[in-house]
C-alpha atoms as a PDB file:
ATOM      1  CA  MET A   1     100.857 197.982 160.470  1.00  0.00           C
ATOM      2  CA  ARG A   2      98.909 194.825 159.904  1.00  0.00           C
ATOM      3  CA  ILE A   3      96.513 194.027 157.084  1.00  0.00           C
ATOM      4  CA  PHE A   4      92.980 192.984 158.050  1.00  0.00           C
ATOM      5  CA  LEU A   5      90.356 191.301 155.916  1.00  0.00           C
ATOM      6  CA  CYS A   6      86.755 192.221 156.659  1.00  0.00           C
ATOM      7  CA  ARG A   7      84.160 189.799 155.331  1.00  0.00           C
ATOM      8  CA  TRP A   8      80.807 191.600 155.496  1.00  0.00           C
ATOM      9  CA  PRO A   9      77.614 189.556 156.059  1.00  0.00           C
ATOM     10  CA  ASN A  10      76.456 190.197 152.466  1.00  0.00           C
ATOM     11  CA  GLY A  11      79.615 188.648 150.995  1.00  0.00           C
ATOM     12  CA  ASP A  12      81.502 191.862 150.245  1.00  0.00           C
ATOM     13  CA  VAL A  13      85.111 192.153 151.366  1.00  0.00           C
ATOM     14  CA  SER A  14      87.110 195.143 152.582  1.00  0.00           C
ATOM     15  CA  ILE A  15      90.818 195.252 153.332  1.00  0.00           C
ATOM     16  CA  VAL A  16      92.333 197.734 155.750  1.00  0.00           C
ATOM     17  CA  SER A  17      95.718 198.355 157.309  1.00  0.00           C
ATOM     18  CA  ALA A  18      95.670 199.044 161.031  1.00  0.00           C
ATOM     19  CA  LEU A  19      97.705 198.549 164.176  1.00  0.00           C
ATOM     20  CA  ASN A  20      95.127 196.174 165.667  1.00  0.00           C
ATOM     21  CA  LYS A  21      91.618 194.829 165.196  1.00  0.00           C
ATOM     22  CA  ASP A  22      89.958 197.724 167.064  1.00  0.00           C
ATOM     23  CA  ASP A  23      91.740 200.240 164.812  1.00  0.00           C
ATOM     24  CA  ALA A  24      90.568 198.221 161.806  1.00  0.00           C
ATOM     25  CA  ILE A  25      86.952 198.314 163.046  1.00  0.00           C
ATOM     26  CA  GLU A  26      87.209 202.059 163.570  1.00  0.00           C
ATOM     27  CA  ALA A  27      88.566 202.579 160.044  1.00  0.00           C
ATOM     28  CA  LEU A  28      85.917 200.284 158.536  1.00  0.00           C
ATOM     29  CA  ASP A  29      83.221 202.423 160.163  1.00  0.00           C
ATOM     30  CA  GLU A  30      83.607 204.656 157.100  1.00  0.00           C
ATOM     31  CA  PHE A  31      81.752 201.917 155.202  1.00  0.00           C
ATOM     32  CA  ASP A  32      79.513 200.336 157.859  1.00  0.00           C
ATOM     33  CA  ASN A  33      79.406 198.986 161.411  1.00  0.00           C
ATOM     34  CA  ALA A  34      81.981 196.186 161.352  1.00  0.00           C
ATOM     35  CA  ASP A  35      80.811 194.631 164.635  1.00  0.00           C
ATOM     36  CA  HIS A  36      78.688 192.270 162.498  1.00  0.00           C
ATOM     37  CA  ALA A  37      81.511 191.356 160.136  1.00  0.00           C
ATOM     38  CA  ASP A  38      84.169 188.658 160.328  1.00  0.00           C
ATOM     39  CA  ILE A  39      87.550 190.320 160.645  1.00  0.00           C
ATOM     40  CA  SER A  40      90.802 188.432 160.386  1.00  0.00           C
ATOM     41  CA  GLN A  41      94.411 189.368 159.932  1.00  0.00           C
ATOM     42  CA  LEU A  42      95.991 188.437 156.610  1.00  0.00           C
ATOM     43  CA  ARG A  43      99.152 186.455 157.202  1.00  0.00           C
ATOM     44  CA  GLU A  44     100.646 186.406 153.733  1.00  0.00           C
ATOM     45  CA  GLN A  45     102.296 189.201 151.819  1.00  0.00           C
ATOM     46  CA  PHE A  46      99.641 191.618 150.560  1.00  0.00           C
ATOM     47  CA  LEU A  47      99.926 192.484 146.888  1.00  0.00           C
ATOM     48  CA  VAL A  48      97.344 194.257 144.740  1.00  0.00           C
ATOM     49  CA  ASP A  49      97.648 195.947 141.358  1.00  0.00           C
ATOM     50  CA  PHE A  50      95.483 198.785 140.007  1.00  0.00           C
ATOM     51  CA  ARG A  51      95.218 200.323 136.567  1.00  0.00           C
ATOM     52  CA  LEU A  52      94.278 203.854 135.653  1.00  0.00           C
ATOM     53  CA  ASN A  53      91.201 203.794 133.399  1.00  0.00           C
ATOM     54  CA  ASP A  54      90.344 206.279 130.653  1.00  0.00           C
ATOM     55  CA  ASP A  55      88.108 208.235 133.055  1.00  0.00           C
ATOM     56  CA  GLY A  56      91.020 208.853 135.413  1.00  0.00           C
ATOM     57  CA  ASN A  57      89.811 206.382 138.047  1.00  0.00           C
ATOM     58  CA  LEU A  58      91.635 203.432 139.533  1.00  0.00           C
ATOM     59  CA  GLU A  59      90.308 199.957 138.807  1.00  0.00           C
ATOM     60  CA  LEU A  60      91.419 196.702 140.329  1.00  0.00           C
ATOM     61  CA  ASN A  61      93.728 194.978 137.885  1.00  0.00           C
ATOM     62  CA  GLU A  62      94.605 191.890 139.910  1.00  0.00           C
ATOM     63  CA  PHE A  63      95.641 190.517 143.285  1.00  0.00           C
ATOM     64  CA  GLY A  64      98.941 188.794 143.880  1.00  0.00           C
ATOM     65  CA  GLU A  65      98.495 185.013 143.799  1.00  0.00           C
ATOM     66  CA  SER A  66      99.083 184.377 147.521  1.00  0.00           C
ATOM     67  CA  THR A  67      96.894 187.357 148.454  1.00  0.00           C
ATOM     68  CA  LEU A  68      94.000 186.114 146.340  1.00  0.00           C
ATOM     69  CA  ASN A  69      94.364 182.574 147.689  1.00  0.00           C
ATOM     70  CA  GLU A  70      94.280 183.793 151.291  1.00  0.00           C
ATOM     71  CA  ILE A  71      91.256 186.017 150.670  1.00  0.00           C
ATOM     72  CA  MET A  72      89.340 183.214 148.986  1.00  0.00           C
ATOM     73  CA  GLU A  73      90.223 180.617 151.641  1.00  0.00           C
ATOM     74  CA  THR A  74      89.373 182.956 154.520  1.00  0.00           C
ATOM     75  CA  ALA A  75      86.329 184.814 153.221  1.00  0.00           C
ATOM     76  CA  PHE A  76      84.766 182.383 150.758  1.00  0.00           C
ATOM     77  CA  PRO A  77      85.378 178.787 151.836  1.00  0.00           C
ATOM     78  CA  GLU A  78      82.228 177.451 150.152  1.00  0.00           C
ATOM     79  CA  LEU A  79      83.141 179.036 146.819  1.00  0.00           C
ATOM     80  CA  GLU A  80      86.693 177.788 147.228  1.00  0.00           C
ATOM     81  CA  LYS A  81      85.366 174.204 147.604  1.00  0.00           C
ATOM     82  CA  THR A  82      83.642 174.188 144.194  1.00  0.00           C
ATOM     83  CA  GLN A  83      86.828 173.965 142.123  1.00  0.00           C
ATOM     84  CA  SER A  84      84.481 174.064 139.146  1.00  0.00           C
ATOM     85  CA  GLU A  85      84.563 175.949 135.894  1.00  0.00           C
ATOM     86  CA  ASP A  86      80.843 175.387 135.299  1.00  0.00           C
ATOM     87  CA  PRO A  87      79.259 178.885 135.483  1.00  0.00           C
ATOM     88  CA  ALA A  88      76.047 177.484 137.013  1.00  0.00           C
ATOM     89  CA  VAL A  89      77.950 175.803 139.840  1.00  0.00           C
ATOM     90  CA  ILE A  90      79.987 178.951 140.454  1.00  0.00           C
ATOM     91  CA  ARG A  91      76.826 181.121 140.525  1.00  0.00           C
ATOM     92  CA  GLN A  92      75.279 178.784 143.114  1.00  0.00           C
ATOM     93  CA  ALA A  93      78.413 178.965 145.256  1.00  0.00           C
ATOM     94  CA  VAL A  94      78.470 182.771 144.963  1.00  0.00           C
ATOM     95  CA  GLU A  95      74.820 182.960 146.082  1.00  0.00           C
ATOM     96  CA  LEU A  96      75.617 180.651 148.991  1.00  0.00           C
ATOM     97  CA  GLU A  97      78.542 182.890 150.012  1.00  0.00           C
ATOM     98  CA  ARG A  98      76.387 186.021 149.833  1.00  0.00           C
ATOM     99  CA  THR A  99      73.841 184.554 152.232  1.00  0.00           C
ATOM    100  CA  ARG A 100      75.980 182.152 154.296  1.00  0.00           C
ATOM    101  CA  LEU A 101      76.513 184.522 157.223  1.00  0.00           C
ATOM    102  CA  TRP A 102      73.098 186.208 157.357  1.00  0.00           C
ATOM    103  CA  GLY A 103      71.690 183.994 160.085  1.00  0.00           C
ATOM    104  CA  LYS A 104      75.025 183.860 161.892  1.00  0.00           C
ATOM    105  CA  GLN A 105      75.580 187.580 162.369  1.00  0.00           C
ATOM    106  CA  LYS A 106      77.591 188.396 165.418  1.00  0.00           C
ATOM    107  CA  LYS A 107      75.833 190.126 168.259  1.00  0.00           C
ATOM    108  CA  SER A 108      76.972 193.734 168.459  1.00  0.00           C
ATOM    109  CA  LYS A 109      79.419 194.487 171.196  1.00  0.00           C
ATOM    110  CA  GLU A 110      78.128 197.052 173.635  1.00  0.00           C
ATOM    111  CA  ALA A 111      79.960 200.314 174.256  1.00  0.00           C
ATOM    112  CA  LYS A 112      81.538 200.615 177.713  1.00  0.00           C
ATOM    113  CA  THR A 113      79.676 203.703 178.925  1.00  0.00           C
ATOM    114  CA  GLU A 114      76.077 204.839 178.909  1.00  0.00           C
ATOM    115  CA  ILE A 115      76.967 207.795 176.687  1.00  0.00           C
ATOM    116  CA  GLY A 116      78.836 205.447 174.349  1.00  0.00           C
ATOM    117  CA  GLN A 117      75.865 203.071 174.220  1.00  0.00           C
ATOM    118  CA  ARG A 118      73.557 205.960 173.340  1.00  0.00           C
ATOM    119  CA  LEU A 119      75.970 207.112 170.624  1.00  0.00           C
ATOM    120  CA  GLN A 120      76.238 203.553 169.342  1.00  0.00           C
ATOM    121  CA  LYS A 121      72.468 203.211 169.118  1.00  0.00           C
ATOM    122  CA  GLU A 122      71.825 206.626 167.535  1.00  0.00           C
ATOM    123  CA  LEU A 123      74.620 206.401 164.971  1.00  0.00           C
ATOM    124  CA  GLY A 124      74.637 202.641 164.377  1.00  0.00           C
ATOM    125  CA  ALA A 125      78.348 202.739 165.163  1.00  0.00           C
ATOM    126  CA  ALA A 126      80.576 199.907 166.276  1.00  0.00           C
ATOM    127  CA  ALA A 127      81.282 199.769 170.017  1.00  0.00           C
ATOM    128  CA  VAL A 128      84.947 200.667 169.585  1.00  0.00           C
ATOM    129  CA  VAL A 129      83.998 203.733 167.506  1.00  0.00           C
ATOM    130  CA  ALA A 130      81.540 204.959 170.154  1.00  0.00           C
ATOM    131  CA  ASP A 131      84.010 204.249 172.992  1.00  0.00           C
ATOM    132  CA  ARG A 132      86.813 206.127 171.259  1.00  0.00           C
ATOM    133  CA  ALA A 133      84.547 209.102 170.507  1.00  0.00           C
ATOM    134  CA  VAL A 134      83.597 209.306 174.197  1.00  0.00           C
ATOM    135  CA  GLU A 135      87.265 208.997 175.245  1.00  0.00           C
ATOM    136  CA  ARG A 136      88.343 211.781 172.849  1.00  0.00           C
ATOM    137  CA  GLU A 137      85.586 214.083 174.084  1.00  0.00           C
ATOM    138  CA  ALA A 138      86.350 213.320 177.742  1.00  0.00           C
ATOM    139  CA  LYS A 139      90.056 214.100 177.207  1.00  0.00           C
ATOM    140  CA  GLU A 140      89.130 217.397 175.558  1.00  0.00           C
ATOM    141  CA  VAL A 141      86.777 218.348 178.410  1.00  0.00           C
ATOM    142  CA  LEU A 142      89.438 217.482 180.999  1.00  0.00           C
ATOM    143  CA  LYS A 143      92.108 219.400 179.104  1.00  0.00           C
ATOM    144  CA  ASN A 144      89.890 222.500 178.960  1.00  0.00           C
ATOM    145  CA  PHE A 145      88.910 222.060 182.604  1.00  0.00           C
ATOM    146  CA  ASN A 146      92.545 221.840 183.716  1.00  0.00           C
ATOM    147  CA  SER A 147      93.555 224.883 181.673  1.00  0.00           C
ATOM    148  CA  LYS A 148      90.845 226.983 183.389  1.00  0.00           C
ATOM    149  CA  LYS A 149      91.973 226.130 186.944  1.00  0.00           C
ATOM    150  CA  PRO A 150      93.407 229.131 188.785  1.00  0.00           C
ATOM    151  CA  LYS A 151      97.104 228.946 189.475  1.00  0.00           C
ATOM    152  CA  HIS A 152      98.177 229.376 193.113  1.00  0.00           C
END
């Protein structure tokens, strides 16, 4: 499995393990349509630490140093450039990162089939999610069709 970094247009980041980018987009569909996001594979070792809080929930404790560096360099290059400890400068860089990709959103990929395109439009799903849903349903229909054929 590979580790993928998803940088959403609003500046949020998600991390997902998947076999390939399409599998990552399908998994990320749980949160939102990732066709508009920047998705890249993390190259470094992935290390993250969580702590159990008093309410019984997990909270992020910290990222491993190389993991954090790669996330910041890949997802937040403008913030990474500041190298400042001045809170005002950091806040400006954070605001820039949150809005930096708004006007540069990727055009949604289009599903391969007409049914997939309709699903994509109605559900707001990524193309790969709609295509895979159509493929799964088609396989099921064919399987049922073949099992109902008379045997000679």
